[in-house]
Amino acid sequence: MEKEAKKEAFRKYLESSGVLDALTKVLVALYEQNDKPSSAVEFVQQKLGGPSLSEYEKLQAEMSELQIRYNELLTLHQEKCTQLEELKSSHTVASSNENAERELPKEN
């Protein structure tokens, strides 16, 4: 009995959220196609607003390229931060040495 109640609640949820209408419209569009598409799943995905398989693969390739570029830039950034810290510390040491030299009394 509880199982039937869960099913009914889920059906009402799908209906109130518009999922049933959207799926019905897509399935009707598929039914009315004179030349049925080779991939019904891709047809449904496309009609529901998702990318086609070729678009998805293109986006995956682009994402991979961007991830590689991001990793390269992150590595470069880390190297530059290390160089900056080295320059700061060498500048601090040089400034300390200059100040120490100025404070030493000059011998005549």
PDB file of N, CA and C in Angstrom:
ATOM      1  N   MET A   1       0.818  -1.194   0.000  1.00  0.00           N
ATOM      2  CA  MET A   1       0.000   0.000   0.000  1.00  0.00           C
ATOM      3  C   MET A   1       0.868   1.266   0.000  1.00  0.00           C
ATOM      4  N   GLU A   2       1.910   1.250   0.838  1.00  0.00           N
ATOM      5  CA  GLU A   2       2.821   2.395   0.915  1.00  0.00           C
ATOM      6  C   GLU A   2       3.522   2.623  -0.415  1.00  0.00           C
ATOM      7  N   LYS A   3       3.824   1.533  -1.115  1.00  0.00           N
ATOM      8  CA  LYS A   3       4.496   1.625  -2.412  1.00  0.00           C
ATOM      9  C   LYS A   3       3.604   2.356  -3.419  1.00  0.00           C
ATOM     10  N   GLU A   4       2.341   2.061  -3.424  1.00  0.00           N
ATOM     11  CA  GLU A   4       1.397   2.716  -4.336  1.00  0.00           C
ATOM     12  C   GLU A   4       1.275   4.205  -4.007  1.00  0.00           C
ATOM     13  N   ALA A   5       1.285   4.534  -2.736  1.00  0.00           N
ATOM     14  CA  ALA A   5       1.201   5.933  -2.322  1.00  0.00           C
ATOM     15  C   ALA A   5       2.429   6.697  -2.795  1.00  0.00           C
ATOM     16  N   LYS A   6       3.599   6.071  -2.696  1.00  0.00           N
ATOM     17  CA  LYS A   6       4.840   6.708  -3.161  1.00  0.00           C
ATOM     18  C   LYS A   6       4.788   6.935  -4.664  1.00  0.00           C
ATOM     19  N   LYS A   7       4.298   5.929  -5.395  1.00  0.00           N
ATOM     20  CA  LYS A   7       4.187   6.056  -6.851  1.00  0.00           C
ATOM     21  C   LYS A   7       3.244   7.200  -7.219  1.00  0.00           C
ATOM     22  N   GLU A   8       2.120   7.291  -6.533  1.00  0.00           N
ATOM     23  CA  GLU A   8       1.141   8.340  -6.815  1.00  0.00           C
ATOM     24  C   GLU A   8       1.705   9.710  -6.479  1.00  0.00           C
ATOM     25  N   ALA A   9       2.427   9.818  -5.377  1.00  0.00           N
ATOM     26  CA  ALA A   9       3.039  11.091  -4.992  1.00  0.00           C
ATOM     27  C   ALA A   9       4.082  11.505  -6.025  1.00  0.00           C
ATOM     28  N   PHE A  10       4.843  10.541  -6.515  1.00  0.00           N
ATOM     29  CA  PHE A  10       5.859  10.843  -7.523  1.00  0.00           C
ATOM     30  C   PHE A  10       5.210  11.276  -8.827  1.00  0.00           C
ATOM     31  N   ARG A  11       4.132  10.601  -9.214  1.00  0.00           N
ATOM     32  CA  ARG A  11       3.409  10.966 -10.441  1.00  0.00           C
ATOM     33  C   ARG A  11       2.872  12.392 -10.337  1.00  0.00           C
ATOM     34  N   LYS A  12       2.323  12.740  -9.174  1.00  0.00           N
ATOM     35  CA  LYS A  12       1.805  14.093  -8.967  1.00  0.00           C
ATOM     36  C   LYS A  12       2.938  15.119  -9.032  1.00  0.00           C
ATOM     37  N   TYR A  13       4.073  14.747  -8.478  1.00  0.00           N
ATOM     38  CA  TYR A  13       5.251  15.626  -8.525  1.00  0.00           C
ATOM     39  C   TYR A  13       5.669  15.877  -9.970  1.00  0.00           C
ATOM     40  N   LEU A  14       5.770  14.805 -10.763  1.00  0.00           N
ATOM     41  CA  LEU A  14       6.157  14.952 -12.171  1.00  0.00           C
ATOM     42  C   LEU A  14       5.140  15.799 -12.934  1.00  0.00           C
ATOM     43  N   GLU A  15       3.893  15.597 -12.628  1.00  0.00           N
ATOM     44  CA  GLU A  15       2.836  16.359 -13.312  1.00  0.00           C
ATOM     45  C   GLU A  15       2.887  17.831 -12.908  1.00  0.00           C
ATOM     46  N   SER A  16       3.011  18.121 -11.627  1.00  0.00           N
ATOM     47  CA  SER A  16       3.004  19.514 -11.166  1.00  0.00           C
ATOM     48  C   SER A  16       4.261  20.275 -11.598  1.00  0.00           C
ATOM     49  N   SER A  17       5.362  19.566 -11.793  1.00  0.00           N
ATOM     50  CA  SER A  17       6.606  20.236 -12.197  1.00  0.00           C
ATOM     51  C   SER A  17       6.723  20.397 -13.709  1.00  0.00           C
ATOM     52  N   GLY A  18       5.779  19.842 -14.453  1.00  0.00           N
ATOM     53  CA  GLY A  18       5.776  20.015 -15.903  1.00  0.00           C
ATOM     54  C   GLY A  18       6.560  18.964 -16.670  1.00  0.00           C
ATOM     55  N   VAL A  19       7.096  17.990 -15.966  1.00  0.00           N
ATOM     56  CA  VAL A  19       7.904  16.964 -16.626  1.00  0.00           C
ATOM     57  C   VAL A  19       7.036  16.111 -17.554  1.00  0.00           C
ATOM     58  N   LEU A  20       5.866  15.730 -17.089  1.00  0.00           N
ATOM     59  CA  LEU A  20       5.000  14.886 -17.928  1.00  0.00           C
ATOM     60  C   LEU A  20       4.609  15.597 -19.215  1.00  0.00           C
ATOM     61  N   ASP A  21       4.279  16.875 -19.117  1.00  0.00           N
ATOM     62  CA  ASP A  21       3.923  17.638 -20.326  1.00  0.00           C
ATOM     63  C   ASP A  21       5.094  17.713 -21.298  1.00  0.00           C
ATOM     64  N   ALA A  22       6.271  18.002 -20.765  1.00  0.00           N
ATOM     65  CA  ALA A  22       7.456  18.122 -21.624  1.00  0.00           C
ATOM     66  C   ALA A  22       7.757  16.794 -22.312  1.00  0.00           C
ATOM     67  N   LEU A  23       7.724  15.711 -21.558  1.00  0.00           N
ATOM     68  CA  LEU A  23       7.996  14.397 -22.157  1.00  0.00           C
ATOM     69  C   LEU A  23       6.926  14.012 -23.172  1.00  0.00           C
ATOM     70  N   THR A  24       5.678  14.317 -22.859  1.00  0.00           N
ATOM     71  CA  THR A  24       4.588  14.006 -23.791  1.00  0.00           C
ATOM     72  C   THR A  24       4.784  14.751 -25.112  1.00  0.00           C
ATOM     73  N   LYS A  25       5.130  16.041 -25.025  1.00  0.00           N
ATOM     74  CA  LYS A  25       5.343  16.840 -26.240  1.00  0.00           C
ATOM     75  C   LYS A  25       6.492  16.270 -27.074  1.00  0.00           C
ATOM     76  N   VAL A  26       7.562  15.873 -26.417  1.00  0.00           N
ATOM     77  CA  VAL A  26       8.717  15.329 -27.135  1.00  0.00           C
ATOM     78  C   VAL A  26       8.358  13.994 -27.788  1.00  0.00           C
ATOM     79  N   LEU A  27       7.653  13.146 -27.053  1.00  0.00           N
ATOM     80  CA  LEU A  27       7.280  11.842 -27.608  1.00  0.00           C
ATOM     81  C   LEU A  27       6.290  11.987 -28.764  1.00  0.00           C
ATOM     82  N   VAL A  28       5.391  12.962 -28.669  1.00  0.00           N
ATOM     83  CA  VAL A  28       4.464  13.227 -29.776  1.00  0.00           C
ATOM     84  C   VAL A  28       5.247  13.709 -30.993  1.00  0.00           C
ATOM     85  N   ALA A  29       6.237  14.602 -30.767  1.00  0.00           N
ATOM     86  CA  ALA A  29       7.059  15.086 -31.883  1.00  0.00           C
ATOM     87  C   ALA A  29       7.815  13.935 -32.532  1.00  0.00           C
ATOM     88  N   LEU A  30       8.313  13.031 -31.722  1.00  0.00           N
ATOM     89  CA  LEU A  30       9.024  11.856 -32.257  1.00  0.00           C
ATOM     90  C   LEU A  30       8.058  10.967 -33.045  1.00  0.00           C
ATOM     91  N   TYR A  31       6.886  10.766 -32.524  1.00  0.00           N
ATOM     92  CA  TYR A  31       5.877   9.945 -33.189  1.00  0.00           C
ATOM     93  C   TYR A  31       5.499  10.527 -34.539  1.00  0.00           C
ATOM     94  N   GLU A  32       5.421  11.867 -34.607  1.00  0.00           N
ATOM     95  CA  GLU A  32       4.981  12.532 -35.835  1.00  0.00           C
ATOM     96  C   GLU A  32       6.086  12.665 -36.875  1.00  0.00           C
ATOM     97  N   GLN A  33       7.286  12.301 -36.545  1.00  0.00           N
ATOM     98  CA  GLN A  33       8.390  12.355 -37.506  1.00  0.00           C
ATOM     99  C   GLN A  33       8.153  11.318 -38.602  1.00  0.00           C
ATOM    100  N   ASN A  34       8.171  11.767 -39.847  1.00  0.00           N
ATOM    101  CA  ASN A  34       8.025  10.824 -40.960  1.00  0.00           C
ATOM    102  C   ASN A  34       9.263   9.939 -41.060  1.00  0.00           C
ATOM    103  N   ASP A  35      10.416  10.587 -41.023  1.00  0.00           N
ATOM    104  CA  ASP A  35      11.673   9.839 -41.037  1.00  0.00           C
ATOM    105  C   ASP A  35      12.187   9.783 -39.609  1.00  0.00           C
ATOM    106  N   LYS A  36      12.067   8.618 -39.012  1.00  0.00           N
ATOM    107  CA  LYS A  36      12.477   8.472 -37.612  1.00  0.00           C
ATOM    108  C   LYS A  36      13.995   8.655 -37.505  1.00  0.00           C
ATOM    109  N   PRO A  37      14.439   9.393 -36.491  1.00  0.00           N
ATOM    110  CA  PRO A  37      15.877   9.593 -36.312  1.00  0.00           C
ATOM    111  C   PRO A  37      16.567   8.279 -35.943  1.00  0.00           C
ATOM    112  N   SER A  38      17.840   8.203 -36.272  1.00  0.00           N
ATOM    113  CA  SER A  38      18.583   6.969 -35.966  1.00  0.00           C
ATOM    114  C   SER A  38      18.733   6.763 -34.466  1.00  0.00           C
ATOM    115  N   SER A  39      18.762   7.850 -33.712  1.00  0.00           N
ATOM    116  CA  SER A  39      18.877   7.757 -32.257  1.00  0.00           C
ATOM    117  C   SER A  39      17.720   8.498 -31.601  1.00  0.00           C
ATOM    118  N   ALA A  40      16.774   7.720 -31.081  1.00  0.00           N
ATOM    119  CA  ALA A  40      15.617   8.326 -30.418  1.00  0.00           C
ATOM    120  C   ALA A  40      16.053   9.058 -29.149  1.00  0.00           C
ATOM    121  N   VAL A  41      17.034   8.516 -28.458  1.00  0.00           N
ATOM    122  CA  VAL A  41      17.514   9.152 -27.227  1.00  0.00           C
ATOM    123  C   VAL A  41      18.104  10.519 -27.542  1.00  0.00           C
ATOM    124  N   GLU A  42      18.909  10.602 -28.597  1.00  0.00           N
ATOM    125  CA  GLU A  42      19.499  11.888 -28.979  1.00  0.00           C
ATOM    126  C   GLU A  42      18.410  12.874 -29.390  1.00  0.00           C
ATOM    127  N   PHE A  43      17.377  12.400 -30.079  1.00  0.00           N
ATOM    128  CA  PHE A  43      16.254  13.245 -30.469  1.00  0.00           C
ATOM    129  C   PHE A  43      15.583  13.832 -29.225  1.00  0.00           C
ATOM    130  N   VAL A  44      15.322  12.973 -28.233  1.00  0.00           N
ATOM    131  CA  VAL A  44      14.676  13.413 -27.000  1.00  0.00           C
ATOM    132  C   VAL A  44      15.566  14.415 -26.269  1.00  0.00           C
ATOM    133  N   GLN A  45      16.849  14.117 -26.166  1.00  0.00           N
ATOM    134  CA  GLN A  45      17.780  15.036 -25.499  1.00  0.00           C
ATOM    135  C   GLN A  45      17.780  16.398 -26.180  1.00  0.00           C
ATOM    136  N   GLN A  46      17.839  16.371 -27.499  1.00  0.00           N
ATOM    137  CA  GLN A  46      17.883  17.624 -28.255  1.00  0.00           C
ATOM    138  C   GLN A  46      16.595  18.415 -28.064  1.00  0.00           C
ATOM    139  N   LYS A  47      15.468  17.752 -28.093  1.00  0.00           N
ATOM    140  CA  LYS A  47      14.177  18.430 -27.932  1.00  0.00           C
ATOM    141  C   LYS A  47      13.993  18.980 -26.525  1.00  0.00           C
ATOM    142  N   LEU A  48      14.633  18.349 -25.552  1.00  0.00           N
ATOM    143  CA  LEU A  48      14.539  18.832 -24.168  1.00  0.00           C
ATOM    144  C   LEU A  48      15.583  19.905 -23.874  1.00  0.00           C
ATOM    145  N   GLY A  49      16.390  20.249 -24.878  1.00  0.00           N
ATOM    146  CA  GLY A  49      17.327  21.356 -24.720  1.00  0.00           C
ATOM    147  C   GLY A  49      18.755  20.938 -24.454  1.00  0.00           C
ATOM    148  N   GLY A  50      19.023  19.666 -24.449  1.00  0.00           N
ATOM    149  CA  GLY A  50      20.391  19.199 -24.224  1.00  0.00           C
ATOM    150  C   GLY A  50      21.195  19.239 -25.508  1.00  0.00           C
ATOM    151  N   PRO A  51      22.509  19.171 -25.385  1.00  0.00           N
ATOM    152  CA  PRO A  51      23.350  19.178 -26.587  1.00  0.00           C
ATOM    153  C   PRO A  51      23.263  17.840 -27.321  1.00  0.00           C
ATOM    154  N   SER A  52      23.503  17.900 -28.621  1.00  0.00           N
ATOM    155  CA  SER A  52      23.555  16.656 -29.382  1.00  0.00           C
ATOM    156  C   SER A  52      24.850  15.935 -29.018  1.00  0.00           C
ATOM    157  N   LEU A  53      24.972  14.708 -29.461  1.00  0.00           N
ATOM    158  CA  LEU A  53      26.172  13.922 -29.141  1.00  0.00           C
ATOM    159  C   LEU A  53      27.425  14.607 -29.686  1.00  0.00           C
ATOM    160  N   SER A  54      27.359  15.133 -30.907  1.00  0.00           N
ATOM    161  CA  SER A  54      28.531  15.809 -31.482  1.00  0.00           C
ATOM    162  C   SER A  54      28.844  17.096 -30.730  1.00  0.00           C
ATOM    163  N   GLU A  55      27.794  17.834 -30.323  1.00  0.00           N
ATOM    164  CA  GLU A  55      28.015  19.045 -29.531  1.00  0.00           C
ATOM    165  C   GLU A  55      28.627  18.702 -28.177  1.00  0.00           C
ATOM    166  N   TYR A  56      28.140  17.635 -27.578  1.00  0.00           N
ATOM    167  CA  TYR A  56      28.650  17.194 -26.284  1.00  0.00           C
ATOM    168  C   TYR A  56      30.127  16.816 -26.389  1.00  0.00           C
ATOM    169  N   GLU A  57      30.469  16.070 -27.438  1.00  0.00           N
ATOM    170  CA  GLU A  57      31.869  15.675 -27.634  1.00  0.00           C
ATOM    171  C   GLU A  57      32.751  16.898 -27.875  1.00  0.00           C
ATOM    172  N   LYS A  58      32.236  17.860 -28.617  1.00  0.00           N
ATOM    173  CA  LYS A  58      32.980  19.095 -28.872  1.00  0.00           C
ATOM    174  C   LYS A  58      33.206  19.855 -27.561  1.00  0.00           C
ATOM    175  N   LEU A  59      32.170  19.938 -26.738  1.00  0.00           N
ATOM    176  CA  LEU A  59      32.296  20.606 -25.444  1.00  0.00           C
ATOM    177  C   LEU A  59      33.277  19.874 -24.526  1.00  0.00           C
ATOM    178  N   GLN A  60      33.260  18.554 -24.569  1.00  0.00           N
ATOM    179  CA  GLN A  60      34.203  17.763 -23.767  1.00  0.00           C
ATOM    180  C   GLN A  60      35.643  18.048 -24.198  1.00  0.00           C
ATOM    181  N   ALA A  61      35.881  18.092 -25.514  1.00  0.00           N
ATOM    182  CA  ALA A  61      37.219  18.373 -26.033  1.00  0.00           C
ATOM    183  C   ALA A  61      37.662  19.780 -25.635  1.00  0.00           C
ATOM    184  N   GLU A  62      36.752  20.739 -25.745  1.00  0.00           N
ATOM    185  CA  GLU A  62      37.067  22.115 -25.361  1.00  0.00           C
ATOM    186  C   GLU A  62      37.393  22.190 -23.874  1.00  0.00           C
ATOM    187  N   MET A  63      36.617  21.472 -23.065  1.00  0.00           N
ATOM    188  CA  MET A  63      36.865  21.479 -21.630  1.00  0.00           C
ATOM    189  C   MET A  63      38.236  20.871 -21.312  1.00  0.00           C
ATOM    190  N   SER A  64      38.602  19.822 -22.011  1.00  0.00           N
ATOM    191  CA  SER A  64      39.916  19.203 -21.803  1.00  0.00           C
ATOM    192  C   SER A  64      41.040  20.169 -22.154  1.00  0.00           C
ATOM    193  N   GLU A  65      40.888  20.853 -23.281  1.00  0.00           N
ATOM    194  CA  GLU A  65      41.893  21.834 -23.693  1.00  0.00           C
ATOM    195  C   GLU A  65      42.004  22.976 -22.674  1.00  0.00           C
ATOM    196  N   LEU A  66      40.856  23.445 -22.198  1.00  0.00           N
ATOM    197  CA  LEU A  66      40.864  24.521 -21.210  1.00  0.00           C
ATOM    198  C   LEU A  66      41.474  24.066 -19.884  1.00  0.00           C
ATOM    199  N   GLN A  67      41.243  22.802 -19.508  1.00  0.00           N
ATOM    200  CA  GLN A  67      41.835  22.282 -18.274  1.00  0.00           C
ATOM    201  C   GLN A  67      43.350  22.232 -18.395  1.00  0.00           C
ATOM    202  N   ILE A  68      43.843  21.814 -19.562  1.00  0.00           N
ATOM    203  CA  ILE A  68      45.292  21.773 -19.798  1.00  0.00           C
ATOM    204  C   ILE A  68      45.867  23.183 -19.719  1.00  0.00           C
ATOM    205  N   ARG A  69      45.207  24.129 -20.367  1.00  0.00           N
ATOM    206  CA  ARG A  69      45.678  25.525 -20.355  1.00  0.00           C
ATOM    207  C   ARG A  69      45.648  26.092 -18.935  1.00  0.00           C
ATOM    208  N   TYR A  70      44.592  25.786 -18.196  1.00  0.00           N
ATOM    209  CA  TYR A  70      44.488  26.236 -16.810  1.00  0.00           C
ATOM    210  C   TYR A  70      45.654  25.679 -15.983  1.00  0.00           C
ATOM    211  N   ASN A  71      45.944  24.400 -16.143  1.00  0.00           N
ATOM    212  CA  ASN A  71      47.049  23.791 -15.395  1.00  0.00           C
ATOM    213  C   ASN A  71      48.381  24.449 -15.743  1.00  0.00           C
ATOM    214  N   GLU A  72      48.584  24.748 -17.035  1.00  0.00           N
ATOM    215  CA  GLU A  72      49.814  25.424 -17.457  1.00  0.00           C
ATOM    216  C   GLU A  72      49.924  26.800 -16.811  1.00  0.00           C
ATOM    217  N   LEU A  73      48.819  27.548 -16.847  1.00  0.00           N
ATOM    218  CA  LEU A  73      48.830  28.890 -16.264  1.00  0.00           C
ATOM    219  C   LEU A  73      49.001  28.853 -14.746  1.00  0.00           C
ATOM    220  N   LEU A  74      48.415  27.860 -14.108  1.00  0.00           N
ATOM    221  CA  LEU A  74      48.571  27.721 -12.661  1.00  0.00           C
ATOM    222  C   LEU A  74      50.021  27.436 -12.302  1.00  0.00           C
ATOM    223  N   THR A  75      50.665  26.558 -13.054  1.00  0.00           N
ATOM    224  CA  THR A  75      52.074  26.251 -12.826  1.00  0.00           C
ATOM    225  C   THR A  75      52.922  27.495 -13.037  1.00  0.00           C
ATOM    226  N   LEU A  76      52.670  28.233 -14.109  1.00  0.00           N
ATOM    227  CA  LEU A  76      53.408  29.467 -14.389  1.00  0.00           C
ATOM    228  C   LEU A  76      53.200  30.476 -13.263  1.00  0.00           C
ATOM    229  N   HIS A  77      51.975  30.602 -12.806  1.00  0.00           N
ATOM    230  CA  HIS A  77      51.671  31.517 -11.710  1.00  0.00           C
ATOM    231  C   HIS A  77      52.460  31.138 -10.448  1.00  0.00           C
ATOM    232  N   GLN A  78      52.480  29.858 -10.138  1.00  0.00           N
ATOM    233  CA  GLN A  78      53.209  29.406  -8.955  1.00  0.00           C
ATOM    234  C   GLN A  78      54.704  29.684  -9.095  1.00  0.00           C
ATOM    235  N   GLU A  79      55.249  29.486 -10.294  1.00  0.00           N
ATOM    236  CA  GLU A  79      56.667  29.780 -10.527  1.00  0.00           C
ATOM    237  C   GLU A  79      56.946  31.273 -10.334  1.00  0.00           C
ATOM    238  N   LYS A  80      56.060  32.108 -10.867  1.00  0.00           N
ATOM    239  CA  LYS A  80      56.245  33.562 -10.743  1.00  0.00           C
ATOM    240  C   LYS A  80      56.128  34.004  -9.280  1.00  0.00           C
ATOM    241  N   CYS A  81      55.232  33.396  -8.534  1.00  0.00           N
ATOM    242  CA  CYS A  81      55.111  33.713  -7.109  1.00  0.00           C
ATOM    243  C   CYS A  81      56.385  33.339  -6.367  1.00  0.00           C
ATOM    244  N   THR A  82      56.957  32.197  -6.710  1.00  0.00           N
ATOM    245  CA  THR A  82      58.217  31.768  -6.088  1.00  0.00           C
ATOM    246  C   THR A  82      59.327  32.751  -6.432  1.00  0.00           C
ATOM    247  N   GLN A  83      59.407  33.148  -7.708  1.00  0.00           N
ATOM    248  CA  GLN A  83      60.419  34.121  -8.125  1.00  0.00           C
ATOM    249  C   GLN A  83      60.237  35.447  -7.388  1.00  0.00           C
ATOM    250  N   LEU A  84      59.002  35.877  -7.242  1.00  0.00           N
ATOM    251  CA  LEU A  84      58.725  37.131  -6.544  1.00  0.00           C
ATOM    252  C   LEU A  84      59.181  37.044  -5.088  1.00  0.00           C
ATOM    253  N   GLU A  85      58.888  35.945  -4.437  1.00  0.00           N
ATOM    254  CA  GLU A  85      59.311  35.780  -3.044  1.00  0.00           C
ATOM    255  C   GLU A  85      60.839  35.770  -2.938  1.00  0.00           C
ATOM    256  N   GLU A  86      61.511  35.124  -3.902  1.00  0.00           N
ATOM    257  CA  GLU A  86      62.973  35.114  -3.905  1.00  0.00           C
ATOM    258  C   GLU A  86      63.525  36.525  -4.085  1.00  0.00           C
ATOM    259  N   LEU A  87      62.903  37.282  -4.999  1.00  0.00           N
ATOM    260  CA  LEU A  87      63.343  38.666  -5.213  1.00  0.00           C
ATOM    261  C   LEU A  87      63.112  39.519  -3.974  1.00  0.00           C
ATOM    262  N   LYS A  88      61.976  39.326  -3.340  1.00  0.00           N
ATOM    263  CA  LYS A  88      61.694  40.081  -2.120  1.00  0.00           C
ATOM    264  C   LYS A  88      62.720  39.771  -1.048  1.00  0.00           C
ATOM    265  N   SER A  89      63.021  38.491  -0.868  1.00  0.00           N
ATOM    266  CA  SER A  89      63.969  38.136   0.186  1.00  0.00           C
ATOM    267  C   SER A  89      65.374  38.611  -0.158  1.00  0.00           C
ATOM    268  N   SER A  90      65.769  38.541  -1.427  1.00  0.00           N
ATOM    269  CA  SER A  90      67.102  39.037  -1.790  1.00  0.00           C
ATOM    270  C   SER A  90      67.162  40.553  -1.661  1.00  0.00           C
ATOM    271  N   HIS A  91      66.072  41.234  -1.954  1.00  0.00           N
ATOM    272  CA  HIS A  91      66.013  42.692  -1.794  1.00  0.00           C
ATOM    273  C   HIS A  91      66.110  43.064  -0.318  1.00  0.00           C
ATOM    274  N   THR A  92      65.439  42.300   0.525  1.00  0.00           N
ATOM    275  CA  THR A  92      65.496  42.551   1.967  1.00  0.00           C
ATOM    276  C   THR A  92      66.911  42.370   2.486  1.00  0.00           C
ATOM    277  N   VAL A  93      67.578  41.314   2.026  1.00  0.00           N
ATOM    278  CA  VAL A  93      68.965  41.055   2.443  1.00  0.00           C
ATOM    279  C   VAL A  93      69.869  42.176   1.939  1.00  0.00           C
ATOM    280  N   ALA A  94      69.691  42.590   0.697  1.00  0.00           N
ATOM    281  CA  ALA A  94      70.520  43.659   0.133  1.00  0.00           C
ATOM    282  C   ALA A  94      70.282  44.964   0.878  1.00  0.00           C
ATOM    283  N   SER A  95      69.038  45.274   1.184  1.00  0.00           N
ATOM    284  CA  SER A  95      68.726  46.498   1.931  1.00  0.00           C
ATOM    285  C   SER A  95      69.340  46.456   3.314  1.00  0.00           C
ATOM    286  N   SER A  96      69.292  45.302   3.945  1.00  0.00           N
ATOM    287  CA  SER A  96      69.895  45.155   5.277  1.00  0.00           C
ATOM    288  C   SER A  96      71.392  45.377   5.212  1.00  0.00           C
ATOM    289  N   ASN A  97      72.044  44.839   4.187  1.00  0.00           N
ATOM    290  CA  ASN A  97      73.488  45.017   4.019  1.00  0.00           C
ATOM    291  C   ASN A  97      73.843  46.480   3.786  1.00  0.00           C
ATOM    292  N   GLU A  98      73.054  47.175   2.961  1.00  0.00           N
ATOM    293  CA  GLU A  98      73.304  48.590   2.702  1.00  0.00           C
ATOM    294  C   GLU A  98      73.151  49.408   3.979  1.00  0.00           C
ATOM    295  N   ASN A  99      72.132  49.117   4.743  1.00  0.00           N
ATOM    296  CA  ASN A  99      71.909  49.837   5.997  1.00  0.00           C
ATOM    297  C   ASN A  99      73.044  49.570   6.977  1.00  0.00           C
ATOM    298  N   ALA A 100      73.513  48.335   7.003  1.00  0.00           N
ATOM    299  CA  ALA A 100      74.611  47.991   7.904  1.00  0.00           C
ATOM    300  C   ALA A 100      75.882  48.729   7.499  1.00  0.00           C
ATOM    301  N   GLU A 101      76.118  48.833   6.193  1.00  0.00           N
ATOM    302  CA  GLU A 101      77.310  49.535   5.714  1.00  0.00           C
ATOM    303  C   GLU A 101      77.224  51.017   6.050  1.00  0.00           C
ATOM    304  N   ARG A 102      76.074  51.604   5.977  1.00  0.00           N
ATOM    305  CA  ARG A 102      75.910  53.021   6.288  1.00  0.00           C
ATOM    306  C   ARG A 102      76.153  53.296   7.780  1.00  0.00           C
ATOM    307  N   GLU A 103      75.807  52.329   8.597  1.00  0.00           N
ATOM    308  CA  GLU A 103      75.930  52.524  10.039  1.00  0.00           C
ATOM    309  C   GLU A 103      77.369  52.333  10.526  1.00  0.00           C
ATOM    310  N   LEU A 104      78.213  51.669   9.733  1.00  0.00           N
ATOM    311  CA  LEU A 104      79.597  51.461  10.161  1.00  0.00           C
ATOM    312  C   LEU A 104      80.349  52.788  10.126  1.00  0.00           C
ATOM    313  N   PRO A 105      81.110  53.028  11.178  1.00  0.00           N
ATOM    314  CA  PRO A 105      81.904  54.286  11.166  1.00  0.00           C
ATOM    315  C   PRO A 105      82.981  54.194  10.115  1.00  0.00           C
ATOM    316  N   LYS A 106      83.219  55.300   9.470  1.00  0.00           N
ATOM    317  CA  LYS A 106      84.250  55.336   8.431  1.00  0.00           C
ATOM    318  C   LYS A 106      85.607  55.559   9.098  1.00  0.00           C
ATOM    319  N   GLU A 107      86.555  54.825   8.630  1.00  0.00           N
ATOM    320  CA  GLU A 107      87.931  54.949   9.169  1.00  0.00           C
ATOM    321  C   GLU A 107      88.669  56.002   8.370  1.00  0.00           C
ATOM    322  N   ASN A 108      89.395  56.819   9.050  1.00  0.00           N
ATOM    323  CA  ASN A 108      90.168  57.886   8.401  1.00  0.00           C
ATOM    324  C   ASN A 108      91.579  57.499   8.211  1.00  0.00           C
TER     325      ASN A 108
END
